[in-house]
């Protein structure tokens, strides 16, 4: 997802991941931010910011993955309002309902 933060005057890229954090996500976000800064950033805007949202994260793994990155990237975890199994069931039911409508 891509947003513009008016207060910070910068683009904000958000990458939502279903599973746990993997170090390669930081490299991919770094790539996205480089593209945004080179191709989309306005002359009066600040550098783009990246946020990686994961279901789980290991603090040490995140620190090591971001240690020498020069771009502003953050990693946060999120919690589902529904238990994982209940969410899977709900998604499957929606998928089945969609297929029947075709």
PDB file of N, CA and C in Angstrom:
ATOM      1  N   UNK A   1       0.857  -1.159   0.000  1.00  0.00           N
ATOM      2  CA  UNK A   1       0.000   0.000   0.000  1.00  0.00           C
ATOM      3  C   UNK A   1       0.903   1.220   0.000  1.00  0.00           C
ATOM      4  N   UNK A   2       0.430   2.261  -0.635  1.00  0.00           N
ATOM      5  CA  UNK A   2       1.220   3.488  -0.707  1.00  0.00           C
ATOM      6  C   UNK A   2       0.361   4.656  -0.260  1.00  0.00           C
ATOM      7  N   UNK A   3       0.909   5.443   0.668  1.00  0.00           N
ATOM      8  CA  UNK A   3       0.213   6.608   1.196  1.00  0.00           C
ATOM      9  C   UNK A   3       1.127   7.817   1.129  1.00  0.00           C
ATOM     10  N   UNK A   4       0.526   9.001   1.289  1.00  0.00           N
ATOM     11  CA  UNK A   4       1.309  10.222   1.428  1.00  0.00           C
ATOM     12  C   UNK A   4       0.963  10.841   2.765  1.00  0.00           C
ATOM     13  N   UNK A   5       1.980  11.121   3.578  1.00  0.00           N
ATOM     14  CA  UNK A   5       1.782  11.726   4.898  1.00  0.00           C
ATOM     15  C   UNK A   5       2.003  13.225   4.743  1.00  0.00           C
ATOM     16  N   UNK A   6       0.923  13.997   4.887  1.00  0.00           N
ATOM     17  CA  UNK A   6       1.033  15.438   4.663  1.00  0.00           C
ATOM     18  C   UNK A   6       1.909  16.122   5.697  1.00  0.00           C
ATOM     19  N   UNK A   7       1.822  15.688   6.944  1.00  0.00           N
ATOM     20  CA  UNK A   7       2.631  16.316   7.995  1.00  0.00           C
ATOM     21  C   UNK A   7       4.122  16.097   7.784  1.00  0.00           C
ATOM     22  N   UNK A   8       4.496  14.869   7.426  1.00  0.00           N
ATOM     23  CA  UNK A   8       5.904  14.545   7.192  1.00  0.00           C
ATOM     24  C   UNK A   8       6.353  14.899   5.773  1.00  0.00           C
ATOM     25  N   UNK A   9       5.379  15.137   4.894  1.00  0.00           N
ATOM     26  CA  UNK A   9       5.646  15.446   3.482  1.00  0.00           C
ATOM     27  C   UNK A   9       6.477  14.351   2.828  1.00  0.00           C
ATOM     28  N   UNK A  10       5.976  13.116   2.940  1.00  0.00           N
ATOM     29  CA  UNK A  10       6.687  11.997   2.328  1.00  0.00           C
ATOM     30  C   UNK A  10       5.728  10.862   1.981  1.00  0.00           C
ATOM     31  N   UNK A  11       6.174  10.029   1.059  1.00  0.00           N
ATOM     32  CA  UNK A  11       5.451   8.821   0.706  1.00  0.00           C
ATOM     33  C   UNK A  11       5.708   7.769   1.783  1.00  0.00           C
ATOM     34  N   UNK A  12       4.698   6.976   2.098  1.00  0.00           N
ATOM     35  CA  UNK A  12       4.824   5.902   3.082  1.00  0.00           C
ATOM     36  C   UNK A  12       4.377   4.605   2.417  1.00  0.00           C
ATOM     37  N   UNK A  13       5.301   3.669   2.279  1.00  0.00           N
ATOM     38  CA  UNK A  13       5.007   2.363   1.699  1.00  0.00           C
ATOM     39  C   UNK A  13       4.785   1.367   2.827  1.00  0.00           C
ATOM     40  N   UNK A  14       3.669   0.638   2.769  1.00  0.00           N
ATOM     41  CA  UNK A  14       3.354  -0.364   3.786  1.00  0.00           C
ATOM     42  C   UNK A  14       3.246  -1.717   3.099  1.00  0.00           C
ATOM     43  N   UNK A  15       4.021  -2.670   3.608  1.00  0.00           N
ATOM     44  CA  UNK A  15       4.022  -4.029   3.064  1.00  0.00           C
ATOM     45  C   UNK A  15       3.440  -4.947   4.129  1.00  0.00           C
ATOM     46  N   UNK A  16       2.262  -5.508   3.874  1.00  0.00           N
ATOM     47  CA  UNK A  16       1.574  -6.369   4.825  1.00  0.00           C
ATOM     48  C   UNK A  16       1.895  -7.828   4.520  1.00  0.00           C
ATOM     49  N   UNK A  17       2.476  -8.520   5.501  1.00  0.00           N
ATOM     50  CA  UNK A  17       2.857  -9.925   5.350  1.00  0.00           C
ATOM     51  C   UNK A  17       1.983 -10.800   6.242  1.00  0.00           C
ATOM     52  N   UNK A  18       1.593 -11.960   5.730  1.00  0.00           N
ATOM     53  CA  UNK A  18       0.721 -12.867   6.474  1.00  0.00           C
ATOM     54  C   UNK A  18       1.489 -13.629   7.556  1.00  0.00           C
ATOM     55  N   UNK A  19       2.725 -13.986   7.280  1.00  0.00           N
ATOM     56  CA  UNK A  19       3.508 -14.809   8.203  1.00  0.00           C
ATOM     57  C   UNK A  19       4.514 -14.010   9.001  1.00  0.00           C
ATOM     58  N   UNK A  20       5.537 -14.716   9.468  1.00  0.00           N
ATOM     59  CA  UNK A  20       6.574 -14.085  10.287  1.00  0.00           C
ATOM     60  C   UNK A  20       7.559 -13.311   9.414  1.00  0.00           C
ATOM     61  N   UNK A  21       8.277 -12.376  10.032  1.00  0.00           N
ATOM     62  CA  UNK A  21       9.255 -11.546   9.333  1.00  0.00           C
ATOM     63  C   UNK A  21      10.395 -12.400   8.790  1.00  0.00           C
ATOM     64  N   UNK A  22      10.806 -12.097   7.568  1.00  0.00           N
ATOM     65  CA  UNK A  22      11.968 -12.730   6.950  1.00  0.00           C
ATOM     66  C   UNK A  22      12.929 -11.612   6.547  1.00  0.00           C
ATOM     67  N   UNK A  23      14.230 -11.807   6.734  1.00  0.00           N
ATOM     68  CA  UNK A  23      15.205 -10.750   6.434  1.00  0.00           C
ATOM     69  C   UNK A  23      15.110 -10.198   5.008  1.00  0.00           C
ATOM     70  N   UNK A  24      14.713 -11.031   4.057  1.00  0.00           N
ATOM     71  CA  UNK A  24      14.628 -10.549   2.678  1.00  0.00           C
ATOM     72  C   UNK A  24      13.550  -9.485   2.497  1.00  0.00           C
ATOM     73  N   UNK A  25      12.588  -9.396   3.420  1.00  0.00           N
ATOM     74  CA  UNK A  25      11.570  -8.348   3.334  1.00  0.00           C
ATOM     75  C   UNK A  25      12.204  -6.962   3.437  1.00  0.00           C
ATOM     76  N   UNK A  26      13.256  -6.833   4.239  1.00  0.00           N
ATOM     77  CA  UNK A  26      13.937  -5.540   4.401  1.00  0.00           C
ATOM     78  C   UNK A  26      14.599  -5.122   3.081  1.00  0.00           C
ATOM     79  N   UNK A  27      15.220  -6.071   2.389  1.00  0.00           N
ATOM     80  CA  UNK A  27      15.849  -5.770   1.106  1.00  0.00           C
ATOM     81  C   UNK A  27      14.837  -5.350   0.064  1.00  0.00           C
ATOM     82  N   UNK A  28      13.704  -6.017   0.054  1.00  0.00           N
ATOM     83  CA  UNK A  28      12.654  -5.672  -0.904  1.00  0.00           C
ATOM     84  C   UNK A  28      12.088  -4.288  -0.603  1.00  0.00           C
ATOM     85  N   UNK A  29      11.895  -3.963   0.682  1.00  0.00           N
ATOM     86  CA  UNK A  29      11.396  -2.636   1.053  1.00  0.00           C
ATOM     87  C   UNK A  29      12.413  -1.563   0.673  1.00  0.00           C
ATOM     88  N   UNK A  30      13.683  -1.849   0.874  1.00  0.00           N
ATOM     89  CA  UNK A  30      14.745  -0.922   0.483  1.00  0.00           C
ATOM     90  C   UNK A  30      14.645  -0.621  -1.017  1.00  0.00           C
ATOM     91  N   UNK A  31      14.413  -1.654  -1.815  1.00  0.00           N
ATOM     92  CA  UNK A  31      14.244  -1.524  -3.265  1.00  0.00           C
ATOM     93  C   UNK A  31      13.033  -0.642  -3.584  1.00  0.00           C
ATOM     94  N   UNK A  32      11.893  -0.911  -2.925  1.00  0.00           N
ATOM     95  CA  UNK A  32      10.683  -0.124  -3.151  1.00  0.00           C
ATOM     96  C   UNK A  32      10.927   1.352  -2.841  1.00  0.00           C
ATOM     97  N   UNK A  33      11.595   1.620  -1.729  1.00  0.00           N
ATOM     98  CA  UNK A  33      11.845   3.005  -1.337  1.00  0.00           C
ATOM     99  C   UNK A  33      12.778   3.701  -2.317  1.00  0.00           C
ATOM    100  N   UNK A  34      13.763   2.987  -2.829  1.00  0.00           N
ATOM    101  CA  UNK A  34      14.655   3.569  -3.840  1.00  0.00           C
ATOM    102  C   UNK A  34      13.874   3.945  -5.093  1.00  0.00           C
ATOM    103  N   UNK A  35      12.970   3.055  -5.514  1.00  0.00           N
ATOM    104  CA  UNK A  35      12.127   3.350  -6.682  1.00  0.00           C
ATOM    105  C   UNK A  35      11.255   4.576  -6.435  1.00  0.00           C
ATOM    106  N   UNK A  36      10.604   4.622  -5.292  1.00  0.00           N
ATOM    107  CA  UNK A  36       9.737   5.752  -4.975  1.00  0.00           C
ATOM    108  C   UNK A  36      10.511   7.059  -4.945  1.00  0.00           C
ATOM    109  N   UNK A  37      11.672   7.051  -4.295  1.00  0.00           N
ATOM    110  CA  UNK A  37      12.460   8.275  -4.194  1.00  0.00           C
ATOM    111  C   UNK A  37      12.985   8.728  -5.556  1.00  0.00           C
ATOM    112  N   UNK A  38      13.335   7.793  -6.395  1.00  0.00           N
ATOM    113  CA  UNK A  38      13.884   8.135  -7.705  1.00  0.00           C
ATOM    114  C   UNK A  38      12.797   8.549  -8.702  1.00  0.00           C
ATOM    115  N   UNK A  39      11.658   7.847  -8.673  1.00  0.00           N
ATOM    116  CA  UNK A  39      10.653   8.049  -9.721  1.00  0.00           C
ATOM    117  C   UNK A  39       9.414   8.858  -9.306  1.00  0.00           C
ATOM    118  N   UNK A  40       9.071   8.866  -8.017  1.00  0.00           N
ATOM    119  CA  UNK A  40       7.808   9.470  -7.595  1.00  0.00           C
ATOM    120  C   UNK A  40       7.936  10.663  -6.652  1.00  0.00           C
ATOM    121  N   UNK A  41       9.005  10.757  -5.932  1.00  0.00           N
ATOM    122  CA  UNK A  41       9.148  11.805  -4.914  1.00  0.00           C
ATOM    123  C   UNK A  41       9.228  13.181  -5.563  1.00  0.00           C
ATOM    124  N   UNK A  42       8.471  14.121  -5.021  1.00  0.00           N
ATOM    125  CA  UNK A  42       8.512  15.502  -5.500  1.00  0.00           C
ATOM    126  C   UNK A  42       9.732  16.230  -4.958  1.00  0.00           C
ATOM    127  N   UNK A  43      10.079  17.338  -5.605  1.00  0.00           N
ATOM    128  CA  UNK A  43      11.269  18.105  -5.211  1.00  0.00           C
ATOM    129  C   UNK A  43      11.183  18.665  -3.793  1.00  0.00           C
ATOM    130  N   UNK A  44       9.980  18.974  -3.342  1.00  0.00           N
ATOM    131  CA  UNK A  44       9.804  19.546  -2.005  1.00  0.00           C
ATOM    132  C   UNK A  44       9.431  18.497  -0.946  1.00  0.00           C
ATOM    133  N   UNK A  45       9.530  17.214  -1.294  1.00  0.00           N
ATOM    134  CA  UNK A  45       9.142  16.144  -0.371  1.00  0.00           C
ATOM    135  C   UNK A  45      10.366  15.485   0.271  1.00  0.00           C
ATOM    136  N   UNK A  46      10.154  14.919   1.449  1.00  0.00           N
ATOM    137  CA  UNK A  46      11.202  14.184   2.158  1.00  0.00           C
ATOM    138  C   UNK A  46      11.304  12.759   1.620  1.00  0.00           C
ATOM    139  N   UNK A  47      12.366  12.065   2.022  1.00  0.00           N
ATOM    140  CA  UNK A  47      12.567  10.669   1.606  1.00  0.00           C
ATOM    141  C   UNK A  47      11.402   9.798   2.040  1.00  0.00           C
ATOM    142  N   UNK A  48      11.122   8.782   1.248  1.00  0.00           N
ATOM    143  CA  UNK A  48      10.029   7.852   1.535  1.00  0.00           C
ATOM    144  C   UNK A  48      10.341   7.007   2.768  1.00  0.00           C
ATOM    145  N   UNK A  49       9.284   6.561   3.427  1.00  0.00           N
ATOM    146  CA  UNK A  49       9.383   5.733   4.631  1.00  0.00           C
ATOM    147  C   UNK A  49       8.731   4.386   4.345  1.00  0.00           C
ATOM    148  N   UNK A  50       9.305   3.309   4.863  1.00  0.00           N
ATOM    149  CA  UNK A  50       8.747   1.977   4.683  1.00  0.00           C
ATOM    150  C   UNK A  50       8.349   1.344   6.003  1.00  0.00           C
ATOM    151  N   UNK A  51       7.197   0.678   5.989  1.00  0.00           N
ATOM    152  CA  UNK A  51       6.715  -0.047   7.162  1.00  0.00           C
ATOM    153  C   UNK A  51       6.366  -1.464   6.720  1.00  0.00           C
ATOM    154  N   UNK A  52       6.944  -2.448   7.403  1.00  0.00           N
ATOM    155  CA  UNK A  52       6.655  -3.849   7.126  1.00  0.00           C
ATOM    156  C   UNK A  52       5.829  -4.380   8.293  1.00  0.00           C
ATOM    157  N   UNK A  53       4.604  -4.807   8.004  1.00  0.00           N
ATOM    158  CA  UNK A  53       3.726  -5.368   9.036  1.00  0.00           C
ATOM    159  C   UNK A  53       3.689  -6.879   8.877  1.00  0.00           C
ATOM    160  N   UNK A  54       4.067  -7.598   9.921  1.00  0.00           N
ATOM    161  CA  UNK A  54       4.136  -9.065   9.901  1.00  0.00           C
ATOM    162  C   UNK A  54       3.299  -9.641  11.036  1.00  0.00           C
ATOM    163  N   UNK A  55       2.881 -10.884  10.851  1.00  0.00           N
ATOM    164  CA  UNK A  55       2.134 -11.561  11.906  1.00  0.00           C
ATOM    165  C   UNK A  55       3.015 -11.809  13.123  1.00  0.00           C
ATOM    166  N   UNK A  56       4.305 -12.056  12.894  1.00  0.00           N
ATOM    167  CA  UNK A  56       5.266 -12.296  13.975  1.00  0.00           C
ATOM    168  C   UNK A  56       6.613 -11.716  13.580  1.00  0.00           C
ATOM    169  N   UNK A  57       7.420 -11.397  14.595  1.00  0.00           N
ATOM    170  CA  UNK A  57       8.777 -10.921  14.322  1.00  0.00           C
ATOM    171  C   UNK A  57       9.693 -11.304  15.471  1.00  0.00           C
ATOM    172  N   UNK A  58      10.946 -11.516  15.137  1.00  0.00           N
ATOM    173  CA  UNK A  58      11.984 -11.756  16.134  1.00  0.00           C
ATOM    174  C   UNK A  58      12.823 -10.488  16.172  1.00  0.00           C
ATOM    175  N   UNK A  59      12.898  -9.858  17.336  1.00  0.00           N
ATOM    176  CA  UNK A  59      13.553  -8.561  17.469  1.00  0.00           C
ATOM    177  C   UNK A  59      15.002  -8.580  16.959  1.00  0.00           C
ATOM    178  N   UNK A  60      15.747  -9.597  17.306  1.00  0.00           N
ATOM    179  CA  UNK A  60      17.155  -9.683  16.890  1.00  0.00           C
ATOM    180  C   UNK A  60      17.254  -9.836  15.374  1.00  0.00           C
ATOM    181  N   UNK A  61      16.403 -10.666  14.800  1.00  0.00           N
ATOM    182  CA  UNK A  61      16.413 -10.866  13.349  1.00  0.00           C
ATOM    183  C   UNK A  61      16.093  -9.554  12.629  1.00  0.00           C
ATOM    184  N   UNK A  62      15.138  -8.795  13.133  1.00  0.00           N
ATOM    185  CA  UNK A  62      14.784  -7.509  12.533  1.00  0.00           C
ATOM    186  C   UNK A  62      15.964  -6.536  12.646  1.00  0.00           C
ATOM    187  N   UNK A  63      16.570  -6.465  13.824  1.00  0.00           N
ATOM    188  CA  UNK A  63      17.712  -5.564  14.016  1.00  0.00           C
ATOM    189  C   UNK A  63      18.849  -5.897  13.060  1.00  0.00           C
ATOM    190  N   UNK A  64      19.156  -7.171  12.901  1.00  0.00           N
ATOM    191  CA  UNK A  64      20.236  -7.571  11.993  1.00  0.00           C
ATOM    192  C   UNK A  64      19.890  -7.253  10.534  1.00  0.00           C
ATOM    193  N   UNK A  65      18.648  -7.467  10.149  1.00  0.00           N
ATOM    194  CA  UNK A  65      18.231  -7.205   8.768  1.00  0.00           C
ATOM    195  C   UNK A  65      18.274  -5.718   8.431  1.00  0.00           C
ATOM    196  N   UNK A  66      18.009  -4.856   9.424  1.00  0.00           N
ATOM    197  CA  UNK A  66      17.958  -3.412   9.179  1.00  0.00           C
ATOM    198  C   UNK A  66      19.235  -2.678   9.573  1.00  0.00           C
ATOM    199  N   UNK A  67      20.186  -3.389  10.137  1.00  0.00           N
ATOM    200  CA  UNK A  67      21.375  -2.768  10.738  1.00  0.00           C
ATOM    201  C   UNK A  67      22.095  -1.763   9.836  1.00  0.00           C
ATOM    202  N   UNK A  68      22.395  -2.092   8.615  1.00  0.00           N
ATOM    203  CA  UNK A  68      23.152  -1.199   7.749  1.00  0.00           C
ATOM    204  C   UNK A  68      22.308  -0.558   6.644  1.00  0.00           C
ATOM    205  N   UNK A  69      20.999  -0.610   6.794  1.00  0.00           N
ATOM    206  CA  UNK A  69      20.117   0.024   5.811  1.00  0.00           C
ATOM    207  C   UNK A  69      20.153   1.531   6.035  1.00  0.00           C
ATOM    208  N   UNK A  70      20.270   2.270   4.975  1.00  0.00           N
ATOM    209  CA  UNK A  70      20.303   3.725   5.088  1.00  0.00           C
ATOM    210  C   UNK A  70      18.938   4.372   4.979  1.00  0.00           C
ATOM    211  N   UNK A  71      17.923   3.598   4.723  1.00  0.00           N
ATOM    212  CA  UNK A  71      16.582   4.141   4.527  1.00  0.00           C
ATOM    213  C   UNK A  71      15.738   3.913   5.780  1.00  0.00           C
ATOM    214  N   UNK A  72      14.751   4.809   6.007  1.00  0.00           N
ATOM    215  CA  UNK A  72      13.885   4.649   7.180  1.00  0.00           C
ATOM    216  C   UNK A  72      12.876   3.525   6.977  1.00  0.00           C
ATOM    217  N   UNK A  73      13.138   2.382   7.599  1.00  0.00           N
ATOM    218  CA  UNK A  73      12.271   1.216   7.502  1.00  0.00           C
ATOM    219  C   UNK A  73      11.967   0.733   8.914  1.00  0.00           C
ATOM    220  N   UNK A  74      10.704   0.465   9.169  1.00  0.00           N
ATOM    221  CA  UNK A  74      10.297  -0.081  10.458  1.00  0.00           C
ATOM    222  C   UNK A  74       9.577  -1.403  10.261  1.00  0.00           C
ATOM    223  N   UNK A  75       9.628  -2.258  11.271  1.00  0.00           N
ATOM    224  CA  UNK A  75       8.939  -3.538  11.240  1.00  0.00           C
ATOM    225  C   UNK A  75       8.074  -3.624  12.490  1.00  0.00           C
ATOM    226  N   UNK A  76       6.814  -3.980  12.297  1.00  0.00           N
ATOM    227  CA  UNK A  76       5.896  -4.133  13.422  1.00  0.00           C
ATOM    228  C   UNK A  76       5.096  -5.403  13.220  1.00  0.00           C
ATOM    229  N   UNK A  77       4.626  -5.967  14.319  1.00  0.00           N
ATOM    230  CA  UNK A  77       3.756  -7.123  14.194  1.00  0.00           C
ATOM    231  C   UNK A  77       2.324  -6.690  14.490  1.00  0.00           C
ATOM    232  N   UNK A  78       1.403  -7.472  14.058  1.00  0.00           N
ATOM    233  CA  UNK A  78      -0.011  -7.180  14.264  1.00  0.00           C
ATOM    234  C   UNK A  78      -0.677  -8.405  14.864  1.00  0.00           C
ATOM    235  N   UNK A  79      -1.857  -8.193  15.416  1.00  0.00           N
ATOM    236  CA  UNK A  79      -2.615  -9.306  15.973  1.00  0.00           C
ATOM    237  C   UNK A  79      -3.977  -9.352  15.311  1.00  0.00           C
ATOM    238  N   UNK A  80      -4.412 -10.550  14.986  1.00  0.00           N
ATOM    239  CA  UNK A  80      -5.721 -10.743  14.385  1.00  0.00           C
ATOM    240  C   UNK A  80      -6.801 -10.657  15.451  1.00  0.00           C
ATOM    241  N   UNK A  81      -7.945 -10.125  15.070  1.00  0.00           N
ATOM    242  CA  UNK A  81      -9.068 -10.083  16.006  1.00  0.00           C
ATOM    243  C   UNK A  81      -9.716 -11.447  16.143  1.00  0.00           C
ATOM    244  N   UNK A  82      -9.593 -12.251  15.099  1.00  0.00           N
ATOM    245  CA  UNK A  82     -10.127 -13.611  15.124  1.00  0.00           C
ATOM    246  C   UNK A  82      -8.987 -14.598  15.309  1.00  0.00           C
ATOM    247  N   UNK A  83      -9.235 -15.722  15.964  1.00  0.00           N
ATOM    248  CA  UNK A  83      -8.205 -16.767  16.010  1.00  0.00           C
ATOM    249  C   UNK A  83      -7.866 -17.218  14.587  1.00  0.00           C
ATOM    250  N   UNK A  84      -6.636 -17.645  14.389  1.00  0.00           N
ATOM    251  CA  UNK A  84      -6.130 -17.996  13.066  1.00  0.00           C
ATOM    252  C   UNK A  84      -7.007 -19.031  12.358  1.00  0.00           C
ATOM    253  N   UNK A  85      -7.408 -20.073  13.050  1.00  0.00           N
ATOM    254  CA  UNK A  85      -8.219 -21.126  12.435  1.00  0.00           C
ATOM    255  C   UNK A  85      -9.593 -20.598  12.024  1.00  0.00           C
ATOM    256  N   UNK A  86     -10.168 -19.736  12.855  1.00  0.00           N
ATOM    257  CA  UNK A  86     -11.471 -19.161  12.536  1.00  0.00           C
ATOM    258  C   UNK A  86     -11.367 -18.240  11.318  1.00  0.00           C
ATOM    259  N   UNK A  87     -10.281 -17.493  11.234  1.00  0.00           N
ATOM    260  CA  UNK A  87     -10.051 -16.621  10.086  1.00  0.00           C
ATOM    261  C   UNK A  87      -9.887 -17.437   8.804  1.00  0.00           C
ATOM    262  N   UNK A  88      -9.118 -18.538   8.872  1.00  0.00           N
ATOM    263  CA  UNK A  88      -8.944 -19.410   7.701  1.00  0.00           C
ATOM    264  C   UNK A  88     -10.297 -19.944   7.229  1.00  0.00           C
ATOM    265  N   UNK A  89     -11.126 -20.364   8.182  1.00  0.00           N
ATOM    266  CA  UNK A  89     -12.444 -20.902   7.848  1.00  0.00           C
ATOM    267  C   UNK A  89     -13.295 -19.828   7.175  1.00  0.00           C
ATOM    268  N   UNK A  90     -13.281 -18.623   7.703  1.00  0.00           N
ATOM    269  CA  UNK A  90     -14.046 -17.523   7.146  1.00  0.00           C
ATOM    270  C   UNK A  90     -13.588 -17.190   5.727  1.00  0.00           C
ATOM    271  N   UNK A  91     -12.286 -17.140   5.501  1.00  0.00           N
ATOM    272  CA  UNK A  91     -11.746 -16.858   4.166  1.00  0.00           C
ATOM    273  C   UNK A  91     -12.135 -17.965   3.199  1.00  0.00           C
ATOM    274  N   UNK A  92     -12.053 -19.212   3.623  1.00  0.00           N
ATOM    275  CA  UNK A  92     -12.424 -20.337   2.761  1.00  0.00           C
ATOM    276  C   UNK A  92     -13.895 -20.281   2.398  1.00  0.00           C
ATOM    277  N   UNK A  93     -14.746 -19.941   3.360  1.00  0.00           N
ATOM    278  CA  UNK A  93     -16.182 -19.820   3.084  1.00  0.00           C
ATOM    279  C   UNK A  93     -16.450 -18.714   2.066  1.00  0.00           C
ATOM    280  N   UNK A  94     -15.767 -17.599   2.207  1.00  0.00           N
ATOM    281  CA  UNK A  94     -15.932 -16.496   1.255  1.00  0.00           C
ATOM    282  C   UNK A  94     -15.456 -16.912  -0.137  1.00  0.00           C
ATOM    283  N   UNK A  95     -14.350 -17.614  -0.188  1.00  0.00           N
ATOM    284  CA  UNK A  95     -13.800 -18.091  -1.455  1.00  0.00           C
ATOM    285  C   UNK A  95     -14.791 -19.044  -2.131  1.00  0.00           C
ATOM    286  N   UNK A  96     -15.325 -20.000  -1.365  1.00  0.00           N
ATOM    287  CA  UNK A  96     -16.304 -20.946  -1.901  1.00  0.00           C
ATOM    288  C   UNK A  96     -17.560 -20.232  -2.389  1.00  0.00           C
ATOM    289  N   UNK A  97     -18.018 -19.241  -1.646  1.00  0.00           N
ATOM    290  CA  UNK A  97     -19.193 -18.461  -2.024  1.00  0.00           C
ATOM    291  C   UNK A  97     -18.934 -17.720  -3.325  1.00  0.00           C
ATOM    292  N   UNK A  98     -17.742 -17.171  -3.475  1.00  0.00           N
ATOM    293  CA  UNK A  98     -17.371 -16.446  -4.691  1.00  0.00           C
ATOM    294  C   UNK A  98     -17.354 -17.382  -5.890  1.00  0.00           C
ATOM    295  N   UNK A  99     -16.780 -18.591  -5.713  1.00  0.00           N
ATOM    296  CA  UNK A  99     -16.710 -19.555  -6.807  1.00  0.00           C
ATOM    297  C   UNK A  99     -18.099 -19.998  -7.266  1.00  0.00           C
ATOM    298  N   UNK A 100     -19.036 -20.146  -6.339  1.00  0.00           N
ATOM    299  CA  UNK A 100     -20.394 -20.553  -6.687  1.00  0.00           C
ATOM    300  C   UNK A 100     -21.089 -19.493  -7.528  1.00  0.00           C
ATOM    301  N   UNK A 101     -20.727 -18.218  -7.275  1.00  0.00           N
ATOM    302  CA  UNK A 101     -21.348 -17.107  -8.005  1.00  0.00           C
ATOM    303  C   UNK A 101     -20.859 -16.986  -9.436  1.00  0.00           C
ATOM    304  N   UNK A 102     -19.749 -17.633  -9.768  1.00  0.00           N
ATOM    305  CA  UNK A 102     -19.215 -17.539 -11.130  1.00  0.00           C
ATOM    306  C   UNK A 102     -19.912 -18.466 -12.012  1.00  0.00           C
TER     307      UNK A 102
END
